[in-house]
């Protein structure tokens, strides 16, 4: 929720927020989801709080990459610890009145809303590793994942693994799991339904 401007102004040395992305990219309420969907390096930004969400001047930033298969909770903890590690330097700079801030570049800013059901799509143009990590990180939302392949739509329930050493020519079905050829490697996922289109 947005802080009232009067409340922000009470902090005479500045009110600061930790945002889990490298601002000005991935502004909005669910940046972890959108960074995992984009398959980019994750990061955190300490920035000054202003009236517009996630738009204040930048103080310090850092990047990280979660382990393959990390859950949303594990990624959140990793980013929180990364941000906390930057806090002593931030507080010291404030205490010494030596804080340097950089204005965000509006032309490179991006904003993403809360994800919708239609955002849980697996694209075989991704690498299998990207698809696997996206599914593992976003399973917490509780939506099935849609895969369009050939003349069928598959509803994927869970990412099981990926293998960069496999390279089948076509999707393979084995019991309740799919072996899905991607741009690089094969995504292995449990599925619940197949619909002809």
N, C-alpha and C. Protein backbone atom coordinates (compact mmCIF):
# COMPACT_ATOMS: atom_id res chain seq x y z
N UNK A 1 0.84 -1.19 0.00
CA UNK A 1 0.00 0.00 0.00
C UNK A 1 0.88 1.26 0.00
N UNK A 2 0.32 2.33 -0.48
CA UNK A 2 1.07 3.58 -0.61
C UNK A 2 1.12 4.33 0.71
N UNK A 3 2.33 4.78 1.08
CA UNK A 3 2.46 5.62 2.27
C UNK A 3 1.95 7.03 1.97
N UNK A 4 1.29 7.62 2.94
CA UNK A 4 0.83 8.99 2.78
C UNK A 4 2.03 9.93 2.67
N UNK A 5 1.90 10.95 1.81
CA UNK A 5 3.01 11.89 1.62
C UNK A 5 3.42 12.55 2.93
N UNK A 6 2.46 12.86 3.79
CA UNK A 6 2.78 13.49 5.09
C UNK A 6 3.64 12.56 5.94
N UNK A 7 3.37 11.26 5.85
CA UNK A 7 4.16 10.29 6.61
C UNK A 7 5.57 10.19 6.05
N UNK A 8 5.69 10.19 4.73
CA UNK A 8 7.01 10.13 4.10
C UNK A 8 7.87 11.31 4.53
N UNK A 9 7.27 12.48 4.61
CA UNK A 9 8.02 13.69 4.96
C UNK A 9 8.47 13.73 6.41
N UNK A 10 7.93 12.86 7.26
CA UNK A 10 8.36 12.82 8.66
C UNK A 10 9.81 12.35 8.81
N UNK A 11 10.28 11.57 7.84
CA UNK A 11 11.67 11.08 7.88
C UNK A 11 12.57 12.17 7.32
N UNK A 12 13.18 12.95 8.20
CA UNK A 12 13.92 14.13 7.73
C UNK A 12 15.19 13.78 6.98
N UNK A 13 15.68 12.55 7.10
CA UNK A 13 16.86 12.12 6.33
C UNK A 13 16.48 11.21 5.17
N UNK A 14 15.21 11.07 4.96
CA UNK A 14 14.74 10.27 3.84
C UNK A 14 14.07 8.99 4.28
N UNK A 15 13.06 8.60 3.55
CA UNK A 15 12.36 7.33 3.77
C UNK A 15 12.79 6.40 2.64
N UNK A 16 13.22 5.18 2.98
CA UNK A 16 13.82 4.29 1.98
C UNK A 16 13.11 2.93 1.97
N UNK A 17 13.12 2.31 0.81
CA UNK A 17 12.43 1.03 0.60
C UNK A 17 13.37 0.08 -0.13
N UNK A 18 13.25 -1.22 0.20
CA UNK A 18 13.98 -2.26 -0.51
C UNK A 18 13.02 -2.91 -1.52
N UNK A 19 13.35 -2.80 -2.79
CA UNK A 19 12.53 -3.38 -3.85
C UNK A 19 13.28 -4.54 -4.50
N UNK A 20 12.62 -5.71 -4.67
CA UNK A 20 13.32 -6.89 -5.19
C UNK A 20 13.45 -6.93 -6.71
N UNK A 21 14.07 -5.91 -7.28
CA UNK A 21 14.48 -5.93 -8.69
C UNK A 21 15.53 -4.85 -8.87
N UNK A 22 16.16 -4.87 -10.03
CA UNK A 22 17.09 -3.80 -10.37
C UNK A 22 16.29 -2.69 -11.04
N UNK A 23 15.86 -1.73 -10.22
CA UNK A 23 15.09 -0.61 -10.74
C UNK A 23 15.92 0.21 -11.72
N UNK A 24 15.29 0.81 -12.72
CA UNK A 24 13.85 1.02 -12.86
C UNK A 24 13.08 -0.11 -13.54
N UNK A 25 13.73 -1.24 -13.80
CA UNK A 25 13.03 -2.36 -14.43
C UNK A 25 12.26 -3.15 -13.37
N UNK A 26 11.15 -3.70 -13.82
CA UNK A 26 10.31 -4.56 -12.98
C UNK A 26 9.76 -3.83 -11.76
N UNK A 27 9.29 -2.61 -11.97
CA UNK A 27 8.50 -1.97 -10.94
C UNK A 27 7.18 -2.73 -10.80
N UNK A 28 6.54 -2.58 -9.65
CA UNK A 28 5.24 -3.22 -9.46
C UNK A 28 5.22 -4.17 -8.28
N UNK A 29 4.06 -4.80 -8.04
CA UNK A 29 3.86 -5.57 -6.80
C UNK A 29 4.46 -6.97 -6.78
N UNK A 30 4.77 -7.56 -7.93
CA UNK A 30 5.26 -8.94 -7.96
C UNK A 30 6.50 -9.07 -8.86
N UNK A 31 7.57 -8.37 -8.54
CA UNK A 31 8.73 -8.38 -9.44
C UNK A 31 9.43 -9.73 -9.54
N UNK A 32 9.36 -10.56 -8.51
CA UNK A 32 10.02 -11.87 -8.60
C UNK A 32 9.37 -12.70 -9.69
N UNK A 33 8.05 -12.72 -9.73
CA UNK A 33 7.35 -13.47 -10.78
C UNK A 33 7.82 -13.05 -12.16
N UNK A 34 7.83 -11.76 -12.42
CA UNK A 34 8.13 -11.27 -13.77
C UNK A 34 9.59 -11.44 -14.13
N UNK A 35 10.49 -11.34 -13.15
CA UNK A 35 11.91 -11.59 -13.45
C UNK A 35 12.14 -13.06 -13.78
N UNK A 36 11.49 -13.96 -13.05
CA UNK A 36 11.63 -15.39 -13.35
C UNK A 36 11.00 -15.72 -14.69
N UNK A 37 9.90 -15.08 -15.02
CA UNK A 37 9.26 -15.31 -16.31
C UNK A 37 10.16 -14.83 -17.45
N UNK A 38 10.85 -13.71 -17.23
CA UNK A 38 11.74 -13.17 -18.25
C UNK A 38 13.07 -13.92 -18.31
N UNK A 39 13.39 -14.68 -17.27
CA UNK A 39 14.63 -15.43 -17.26
C UNK A 39 15.86 -14.56 -17.12
N UNK A 40 15.76 -13.51 -16.31
CA UNK A 40 16.87 -12.57 -16.15
C UNK A 40 17.48 -12.71 -14.76
N UNK A 41 18.63 -12.08 -14.60
CA UNK A 41 19.28 -12.04 -13.30
C UNK A 41 18.40 -11.25 -12.33
N UNK A 42 18.29 -11.74 -11.10
CA UNK A 42 17.49 -11.06 -10.10
C UNK A 42 18.34 -10.04 -9.35
N UNK A 43 17.66 -9.13 -8.66
CA UNK A 43 18.40 -8.16 -7.88
C UNK A 43 17.53 -7.43 -6.89
N UNK A 44 18.16 -6.52 -6.16
CA UNK A 44 17.46 -5.67 -5.20
C UNK A 44 17.92 -4.23 -5.36
N UNK A 45 17.05 -3.32 -4.98
CA UNK A 45 17.36 -1.89 -5.05
C UNK A 45 16.86 -1.20 -3.78
N UNK A 46 17.75 -0.50 -3.10
CA UNK A 46 17.32 0.44 -2.07
C UNK A 46 17.06 1.76 -2.78
N UNK A 47 15.87 2.31 -2.56
CA UNK A 47 15.53 3.57 -3.22
C UNK A 47 14.75 4.46 -2.26
N UNK A 48 14.78 5.74 -2.55
CA UNK A 48 14.04 6.69 -1.74
C UNK A 48 12.55 6.57 -2.06
N UNK A 49 11.73 6.62 -1.03
CA UNK A 49 10.28 6.51 -1.21
C UNK A 49 9.72 7.86 -1.63
N UNK A 50 8.97 7.85 -2.73
CA UNK A 50 8.27 9.04 -3.22
C UNK A 50 6.81 8.66 -3.45
N UNK A 51 6.03 9.60 -3.88
CA UNK A 51 4.60 9.35 -4.06
C UNK A 51 4.34 8.25 -5.08
N UNK A 52 5.08 8.24 -6.19
CA UNK A 52 4.90 7.23 -7.22
C UNK A 52 5.60 5.94 -6.81
N UNK A 53 4.93 4.81 -6.94
CA UNK A 53 5.49 3.53 -6.54
C UNK A 53 6.82 3.25 -7.25
N UNK A 54 7.83 2.85 -6.46
CA UNK A 54 9.10 2.31 -6.97
C UNK A 54 9.86 3.28 -7.87
N UNK A 55 9.60 4.58 -7.76
CA UNK A 55 10.18 5.54 -8.70
C UNK A 55 11.21 6.47 -8.07
N UNK A 56 11.48 6.31 -6.79
CA UNK A 56 12.40 7.22 -6.11
C UNK A 56 13.85 7.02 -6.51
N UNK A 57 14.68 8.01 -6.17
CA UNK A 57 16.10 7.95 -6.50
C UNK A 57 16.75 6.70 -5.90
N UNK A 58 17.69 6.14 -6.64
CA UNK A 58 18.37 4.91 -6.25
C UNK A 58 19.56 5.20 -5.34
N UNK A 59 19.72 4.32 -4.34
CA UNK A 59 20.84 4.46 -3.40
C UNK A 59 21.90 3.39 -3.66
N UNK A 60 21.48 2.13 -3.66
CA UNK A 60 22.43 1.04 -3.87
C UNK A 60 21.66 -0.16 -4.42
N UNK A 61 22.34 -0.95 -5.26
CA UNK A 61 21.72 -2.13 -5.88
C UNK A 61 22.70 -3.29 -5.87
N UNK A 62 22.15 -4.51 -5.98
CA UNK A 62 22.99 -5.71 -6.07
C UNK A 62 22.21 -6.78 -6.82
N UNK A 63 22.93 -7.68 -7.48
CA UNK A 63 22.30 -8.74 -8.26
C UNK A 63 22.66 -10.12 -7.70
N UNK A 64 21.84 -11.11 -8.07
CA UNK A 64 22.09 -12.48 -7.64
C UNK A 64 21.33 -13.42 -8.57
N UNK A 65 21.69 -14.69 -8.53
CA UNK A 65 20.95 -15.71 -9.27
C UNK A 65 20.59 -16.83 -8.30
N UNK A 66 19.31 -17.17 -8.20
CA UNK A 66 18.92 -18.28 -7.33
C UNK A 66 19.38 -19.61 -7.90
N UNK A 67 19.43 -20.61 -7.04
CA UNK A 67 19.77 -21.96 -7.49
C UNK A 67 18.65 -22.51 -8.37
N UNK A 68 18.99 -23.45 -9.24
CA UNK A 68 17.97 -24.11 -10.05
C UNK A 68 16.94 -24.76 -9.13
N UNK A 69 15.66 -24.57 -9.47
CA UNK A 69 14.59 -25.19 -8.71
C UNK A 69 14.21 -24.47 -7.43
N UNK A 70 14.73 -23.27 -7.21
CA UNK A 70 14.41 -22.53 -5.99
C UNK A 70 12.93 -22.16 -5.95
N UNK A 71 12.34 -22.26 -4.78
CA UNK A 71 10.94 -21.90 -4.60
C UNK A 71 10.81 -20.39 -4.43
N UNK A 72 9.58 -19.91 -4.49
CA UNK A 72 9.32 -18.48 -4.28
C UNK A 72 9.82 -18.04 -2.91
N UNK A 73 9.56 -18.86 -1.89
CA UNK A 73 10.01 -18.53 -0.55
C UNK A 73 11.52 -18.46 -0.43
N UNK A 74 12.20 -19.40 -1.08
CA UNK A 74 13.67 -19.41 -1.04
C UNK A 74 14.24 -18.19 -1.75
N UNK A 75 13.64 -17.82 -2.88
CA UNK A 75 14.11 -16.64 -3.62
C UNK A 75 13.86 -15.38 -2.81
N UNK A 76 12.68 -15.28 -2.20
CA UNK A 76 12.36 -14.12 -1.38
C UNK A 76 13.35 -13.96 -0.25
N UNK A 77 13.68 -15.06 0.42
CA UNK A 77 14.66 -15.02 1.51
C UNK A 77 16.03 -14.61 1.00
N UNK A 78 16.44 -15.15 -0.14
CA UNK A 78 17.75 -14.81 -0.71
C UNK A 78 17.84 -13.32 -1.02
N UNK A 79 16.78 -12.76 -1.60
CA UNK A 79 16.79 -11.34 -1.94
C UNK A 79 16.74 -10.47 -0.67
N UNK A 80 15.97 -10.91 0.32
CA UNK A 80 15.91 -10.15 1.58
C UNK A 80 17.27 -10.12 2.27
N UNK A 81 17.97 -11.24 2.25
CA UNK A 81 19.30 -11.28 2.86
C UNK A 81 20.29 -10.43 2.07
N UNK A 82 20.16 -10.43 0.76
CA UNK A 82 21.03 -9.59 -0.07
C UNK A 82 20.79 -8.11 0.25
N UNK A 83 19.52 -7.73 0.35
CA UNK A 83 19.19 -6.34 0.69
C UNK A 83 19.63 -5.95 2.08
N UNK A 84 19.46 -6.89 3.03
CA UNK A 84 19.89 -6.61 4.40
C UNK A 84 21.39 -6.40 4.49
N UNK A 85 22.13 -7.12 3.65
CA UNK A 85 23.58 -6.95 3.65
C UNK A 85 24.03 -5.58 3.17
N UNK A 86 23.17 -4.91 2.41
CA UNK A 86 23.48 -3.56 1.93
C UNK A 86 23.10 -2.48 2.94
N UNK A 87 22.30 -2.85 3.93
CA UNK A 87 21.76 -1.86 4.85
C UNK A 87 22.81 -1.17 5.72
N UNK A 88 23.81 -1.87 6.27
CA UNK A 88 24.79 -1.16 7.09
C UNK A 88 25.48 -0.02 6.35
N UNK A 89 25.84 -0.24 5.10
CA UNK A 89 26.46 0.83 4.31
C UNK A 89 25.51 1.99 4.09
N UNK A 90 24.23 1.67 3.85
CA UNK A 90 23.23 2.70 3.65
C UNK A 90 23.07 3.53 4.92
N UNK A 91 22.95 2.88 6.06
CA UNK A 91 22.78 3.60 7.33
C UNK A 91 24.01 4.42 7.68
N UNK A 92 25.18 3.87 7.39
CA UNK A 92 26.41 4.62 7.67
C UNK A 92 26.50 5.87 6.81
N UNK A 93 26.13 5.76 5.54
CA UNK A 93 26.16 6.93 4.65
C UNK A 93 25.16 7.99 5.11
N UNK A 94 24.00 7.54 5.58
CA UNK A 94 23.01 8.50 6.09
C UNK A 94 23.55 9.20 7.33
N UNK A 95 24.15 8.42 8.24
CA UNK A 95 24.67 9.00 9.49
C UNK A 95 25.79 10.00 9.22
N UNK A 96 26.60 9.74 8.19
CA UNK A 96 27.72 10.63 7.86
C UNK A 96 27.29 11.77 6.94
N UNK A 97 26.02 11.76 6.54
CA UNK A 97 25.51 12.75 5.60
C UNK A 97 26.28 12.69 4.28
N UNK A 98 26.58 11.46 3.86
CA UNK A 98 27.36 11.24 2.64
C UNK A 98 26.59 10.37 1.63
N UNK A 99 25.27 10.34 1.77
CA UNK A 99 24.47 9.49 0.91
C UNK A 99 24.41 10.05 -0.51
N UNK A 100 24.73 9.20 -1.48
CA UNK A 100 24.66 9.58 -2.89
C UNK A 100 23.50 8.84 -3.53
N UNK A 101 22.66 9.58 -4.22
CA UNK A 101 21.50 8.97 -4.88
C UNK A 101 21.53 9.28 -6.37
N UNK A 102 20.96 8.35 -7.14
CA UNK A 102 20.93 8.48 -8.60
C UNK A 102 19.48 8.44 -9.07
N UNK A 103 19.11 9.38 -9.91
CA UNK A 103 17.75 9.41 -10.43
C UNK A 103 17.50 8.23 -11.36
N UNK A 104 16.35 7.61 -11.25
CA UNK A 104 16.00 6.51 -12.15
C UNK A 104 15.76 7.03 -13.57
N UNK A 105 16.16 6.22 -14.55
CA UNK A 105 15.96 6.59 -15.95
C UNK A 105 14.54 6.20 -16.37
N UNK A 106 13.72 7.19 -16.57
CA UNK A 106 12.31 6.93 -16.90
C UNK A 106 12.17 6.16 -18.21
N UNK A 107 13.07 6.38 -19.16
CA UNK A 107 12.94 5.75 -20.48
C UNK A 107 13.21 4.24 -20.44
N UNK A 108 13.88 3.75 -19.40
CA UNK A 108 14.15 2.31 -19.30
C UNK A 108 13.26 1.63 -18.26
N UNK A 109 12.34 2.38 -17.68
CA UNK A 109 11.49 1.83 -16.62
C UNK A 109 10.45 0.88 -17.20
N UNK A 110 10.11 -0.14 -16.42
CA UNK A 110 9.03 -1.05 -16.79
C UNK A 110 8.22 -1.37 -15.55
N UNK A 111 6.92 -1.52 -15.75
CA UNK A 111 5.99 -1.80 -14.65
C UNK A 111 5.16 -3.01 -15.01
N UNK A 112 4.98 -3.92 -14.04
CA UNK A 112 4.19 -5.12 -14.25
C UNK A 112 3.17 -5.26 -13.13
N UNK A 113 1.94 -5.64 -13.46
CA UNK A 113 0.88 -5.77 -12.45
C UNK A 113 0.94 -7.15 -11.77
N UNK A 114 -0.08 -7.43 -10.97
CA UNK A 114 -0.21 -8.78 -10.42
C UNK A 114 -0.42 -9.75 -11.58
N UNK A 115 0.22 -10.92 -11.54
CA UNK A 115 0.04 -11.88 -12.64
C UNK A 115 -1.38 -12.44 -12.68
N UNK A 116 -1.81 -12.75 -13.90
CA UNK A 116 -3.11 -13.36 -14.14
C UNK A 116 -2.91 -14.80 -14.61
N UNK A 117 -4.00 -15.55 -14.64
CA UNK A 117 -3.94 -16.94 -15.09
C UNK A 117 -3.28 -17.06 -16.46
N UNK A 118 -3.56 -16.09 -17.33
CA UNK A 118 -3.01 -16.14 -18.70
C UNK A 118 -1.52 -15.87 -18.76
N UNK A 119 -0.91 -15.49 -17.66
CA UNK A 119 0.54 -15.24 -17.64
C UNK A 119 1.34 -16.50 -17.35
N UNK A 120 0.65 -17.60 -17.03
CA UNK A 120 1.33 -18.85 -16.69
C UNK A 120 1.41 -19.74 -17.92
N UNK A 121 2.18 -19.26 -18.89
CA UNK A 121 2.36 -19.96 -20.17
C UNK A 121 3.82 -20.37 -20.31
N UNK A 122 4.03 -21.60 -20.73
CA UNK A 122 5.39 -22.10 -20.97
C UNK A 122 5.68 -22.02 -22.46
N UNK A 123 6.78 -21.39 -22.80
CA UNK A 123 7.17 -21.15 -24.19
C UNK A 123 8.36 -22.04 -24.53
N UNK A 124 8.22 -22.89 -25.54
CA UNK A 124 9.32 -23.79 -25.89
C UNK A 124 10.48 -23.04 -26.54
N UNK A 125 10.30 -21.74 -26.80
CA UNK A 125 11.43 -20.93 -27.26
C UNK A 125 12.37 -20.60 -26.10
N UNK A 126 11.91 -20.82 -24.86
CA UNK A 126 12.79 -20.68 -23.71
C UNK A 126 13.73 -21.88 -23.65
N UNK A 127 14.77 -21.78 -22.84
CA UNK A 127 15.55 -22.97 -22.52
C UNK A 127 14.76 -23.80 -21.50
N UNK A 128 15.06 -25.09 -21.44
CA UNK A 128 14.40 -25.95 -20.46
C UNK A 128 14.72 -25.49 -19.04
N UNK A 129 15.92 -25.03 -18.81
CA UNK A 129 16.32 -24.53 -17.49
C UNK A 129 15.48 -23.32 -17.09
N UNK A 130 15.27 -22.41 -18.02
CA UNK A 130 14.44 -21.23 -17.77
C UNK A 130 13.02 -21.65 -17.40
N UNK A 131 12.42 -22.54 -18.20
CA UNK A 131 11.05 -22.98 -17.94
C UNK A 131 10.95 -23.68 -16.59
N UNK A 132 11.91 -24.53 -16.30
CA UNK A 132 11.92 -25.27 -15.02
C UNK A 132 11.98 -24.30 -13.84
N UNK A 133 12.89 -23.35 -13.90
CA UNK A 133 13.05 -22.41 -12.79
C UNK A 133 11.83 -21.50 -12.63
N UNK A 134 11.24 -21.09 -13.75
CA UNK A 134 10.03 -20.28 -13.68
C UNK A 134 8.91 -21.05 -12.98
N UNK A 135 8.71 -22.30 -13.37
CA UNK A 135 7.64 -23.09 -12.78
C UNK A 135 7.88 -23.34 -11.29
N UNK A 136 9.10 -23.67 -10.94
CA UNK A 136 9.41 -23.92 -9.52
C UNK A 136 9.19 -22.67 -8.68
N UNK A 137 9.58 -21.53 -9.21
CA UNK A 137 9.50 -20.28 -8.45
C UNK A 137 8.08 -19.77 -8.31
N UNK A 138 7.21 -20.13 -9.24
CA UNK A 138 5.86 -19.56 -9.26
C UNK A 138 4.78 -20.57 -8.92
N UNK A 139 5.15 -21.76 -8.55
CA UNK A 139 4.18 -22.78 -8.17
C UNK A 139 3.28 -22.31 -7.03
N UNK A 140 3.82 -21.45 -6.17
CA UNK A 140 3.09 -20.95 -5.00
C UNK A 140 1.78 -20.24 -5.37
N UNK A 141 1.68 -19.74 -6.60
CA UNK A 141 0.48 -19.02 -7.01
C UNK A 141 -0.72 -19.96 -7.22
N UNK A 142 -0.45 -21.22 -7.45
CA UNK A 142 -1.52 -22.21 -7.55
C UNK A 142 -2.20 -22.33 -8.90
N UNK A 143 -1.64 -21.71 -9.94
CA UNK A 143 -2.23 -21.82 -11.28
C UNK A 143 -1.56 -22.95 -12.06
N UNK A 144 -2.32 -23.63 -12.93
CA UNK A 144 -1.68 -24.57 -13.86
C UNK A 144 -0.94 -23.78 -14.95
N UNK A 145 -0.04 -24.46 -15.62
CA UNK A 145 0.75 -23.83 -16.68
C UNK A 145 0.28 -24.36 -18.04
N UNK A 146 0.09 -23.46 -18.96
CA UNK A 146 -0.39 -23.82 -20.29
C UNK A 146 0.79 -23.99 -21.24
N UNK A 147 0.81 -25.11 -21.94
CA UNK A 147 1.80 -25.37 -22.98
C UNK A 147 1.06 -25.65 -24.27
N UNK A 148 1.37 -24.91 -25.32
CA UNK A 148 0.83 -25.20 -26.64
C UNK A 148 1.91 -25.92 -27.45
N UNK A 149 1.56 -27.11 -27.92
CA UNK A 149 2.53 -27.89 -28.68
C UNK A 149 1.79 -28.66 -29.76
N UNK A 150 2.13 -28.38 -31.01
CA UNK A 150 1.46 -29.05 -32.12
C UNK A 150 -0.03 -28.74 -32.11
N UNK A 151 -0.83 -29.78 -32.21
CA UNK A 151 -2.29 -29.63 -32.25
C UNK A 151 -2.94 -29.76 -30.87
N UNK A 152 -2.14 -29.64 -29.81
CA UNK A 152 -2.69 -29.84 -28.47
C UNK A 152 -2.29 -28.70 -27.53
N UNK A 153 -3.13 -28.53 -26.53
CA UNK A 153 -2.80 -27.68 -25.38
C UNK A 153 -2.68 -28.60 -24.17
N UNK A 154 -1.59 -28.47 -23.46
CA UNK A 154 -1.36 -29.28 -22.27
C UNK A 154 -1.43 -28.39 -21.03
N UNK A 155 -2.05 -28.92 -19.98
CA UNK A 155 -2.06 -28.23 -18.70
C UNK A 155 -1.01 -28.89 -17.82
N UNK A 156 0.03 -28.14 -17.51
CA UNK A 156 1.13 -28.67 -16.70
C UNK A 156 0.88 -28.35 -15.24
N UNK A 157 1.11 -29.33 -14.38
CA UNK A 157 0.86 -29.15 -12.94
C UNK A 157 2.12 -28.80 -12.17
N UNK A 158 3.25 -29.38 -12.59
CA UNK A 158 4.46 -29.22 -11.77
C UNK A 158 5.69 -29.51 -12.61
N UNK A 159 6.72 -28.70 -12.41
CA UNK A 159 8.01 -28.97 -13.04
C UNK A 159 8.73 -30.04 -12.23
N UNK A 160 9.23 -31.06 -12.92
CA UNK A 160 9.91 -32.16 -12.23
C UNK A 160 11.42 -32.08 -12.38
N UNK A 161 11.89 -31.67 -13.54
CA UNK A 161 13.33 -31.63 -13.78
C UNK A 161 13.57 -31.03 -15.16
N UNK A 162 14.83 -30.83 -15.50
CA UNK A 162 15.21 -30.49 -16.87
C UNK A 162 16.50 -31.22 -17.18
N UNK A 163 16.74 -31.45 -18.46
CA UNK A 163 17.92 -32.18 -18.89
C UNK A 163 18.47 -31.55 -20.15
N UNK A 164 19.65 -30.97 -20.05
CA UNK A 164 20.27 -30.33 -21.21
C UNK A 164 20.97 -31.33 -22.13
N UNK A 165 21.00 -32.60 -21.73
CA UNK A 165 21.67 -33.61 -22.55
C UNK A 165 20.71 -34.35 -23.46
N UNK A 166 19.42 -34.14 -23.29
CA UNK A 166 18.43 -34.76 -24.15
C UNK A 166 18.05 -33.82 -25.28
N UNK A 167 17.75 -34.39 -26.44
CA UNK A 167 17.34 -33.55 -27.58
C UNK A 167 16.38 -34.32 -28.48
N UNK A 168 15.22 -34.71 -27.98
CA UNK A 168 14.24 -35.43 -28.82
C UNK A 168 13.67 -34.51 -29.90
N UNK A 169 13.19 -35.10 -30.98
CA UNK A 169 12.63 -34.33 -32.08
C UNK A 169 11.23 -33.82 -31.78
N UNK A 170 10.55 -34.48 -30.85
CA UNK A 170 9.16 -34.11 -30.56
C UNK A 170 8.85 -34.37 -29.10
N UNK A 171 7.76 -33.81 -28.66
CA UNK A 171 7.30 -34.01 -27.29
C UNK A 171 7.02 -35.48 -27.05
N UNK A 172 7.38 -35.97 -25.88
CA UNK A 172 7.16 -37.38 -25.53
C UNK A 172 6.29 -37.45 -24.28
N UNK A 173 5.33 -38.39 -24.29
CA UNK A 173 4.43 -38.60 -23.16
C UNK A 173 4.78 -39.93 -22.52
N UNK A 174 5.04 -39.93 -21.24
CA UNK A 174 5.29 -41.16 -20.48
C UNK A 174 4.45 -41.11 -19.22
N UNK A 175 3.38 -41.89 -19.22
CA UNK A 175 2.45 -41.92 -18.09
C UNK A 175 1.89 -40.51 -17.85
N UNK A 176 2.12 -39.94 -16.67
CA UNK A 176 1.57 -38.63 -16.36
C UNK A 176 2.60 -37.52 -16.50
N UNK A 177 3.68 -37.79 -17.22
CA UNK A 177 4.71 -36.75 -17.39
C UNK A 177 5.03 -36.53 -18.85
N UNK A 178 5.46 -35.32 -19.12
CA UNK A 178 5.84 -34.92 -20.48
C UNK A 178 7.32 -34.62 -20.53
N UNK A 179 7.93 -34.97 -21.66
CA UNK A 179 9.30 -34.57 -21.96
C UNK A 179 9.20 -33.56 -23.10
N UNK A 180 9.44 -32.31 -22.78
CA UNK A 180 9.12 -31.20 -23.68
C UNK A 180 10.41 -30.62 -24.26
N UNK A 181 10.65 -30.78 -25.55
CA UNK A 181 11.85 -30.20 -26.15
C UNK A 181 11.74 -28.67 -26.21
N UNK A 182 12.76 -28.00 -25.71
CA UNK A 182 12.81 -26.54 -25.69
C UNK A 182 13.94 -26.06 -26.60
N UNK A 183 14.12 -24.77 -26.63
CA UNK A 183 15.21 -24.22 -27.44
C UNK A 183 16.54 -24.87 -27.08
N UNK A 184 16.71 -25.13 -25.79
CA UNK A 184 17.90 -25.83 -25.30
C UNK A 184 17.47 -26.79 -24.20
N UNK A 185 17.68 -28.07 -24.39
CA UNK A 185 17.34 -29.05 -23.38
C UNK A 185 15.88 -29.46 -23.39
N UNK A 186 15.55 -30.29 -22.42
CA UNK A 186 14.20 -30.85 -22.30
C UNK A 186 13.66 -30.57 -20.91
N UNK A 187 12.44 -30.04 -20.88
CA UNK A 187 11.72 -29.82 -19.62
C UNK A 187 10.89 -31.05 -19.32
N UNK A 188 10.98 -31.54 -18.09
CA UNK A 188 10.20 -32.69 -17.66
C UNK A 188 9.16 -32.19 -16.67
N UNK A 189 7.88 -32.41 -16.98
CA UNK A 189 6.82 -31.85 -16.16
C UNK A 189 5.65 -32.81 -16.05
N UNK A 190 4.98 -32.77 -14.90
CA UNK A 190 3.73 -33.52 -14.73
C UNK A 190 2.60 -32.74 -15.38
N UNK A 191 1.68 -33.46 -16.03
CA UNK A 191 0.56 -32.77 -16.66
C UNK A 191 -0.76 -33.40 -16.24
N UNK A 192 -1.81 -32.62 -16.35
CA UNK A 192 -3.13 -33.09 -15.89
C UNK A 192 -4.15 -33.21 -17.02
N UNK A 193 -3.91 -32.55 -18.15
CA UNK A 193 -4.93 -32.56 -19.20
C UNK A 193 -4.28 -32.28 -20.55
N UNK A 194 -4.91 -32.82 -21.61
CA UNK A 194 -4.50 -32.55 -22.99
C UNK A 194 -5.75 -32.26 -23.79
N UNK A 195 -5.74 -31.13 -24.49
CA UNK A 195 -6.92 -30.68 -25.24
C UNK A 195 -6.54 -30.46 -26.69
N UNK A 196 -7.26 -31.04 -27.62
CA UNK A 196 -7.00 -30.82 -29.04
C UNK A 196 -7.49 -29.43 -29.42
N UNK A 197 -6.69 -28.76 -30.27
CA UNK A 197 -7.05 -27.41 -30.72
C UNK A 197 -7.05 -27.35 -32.25
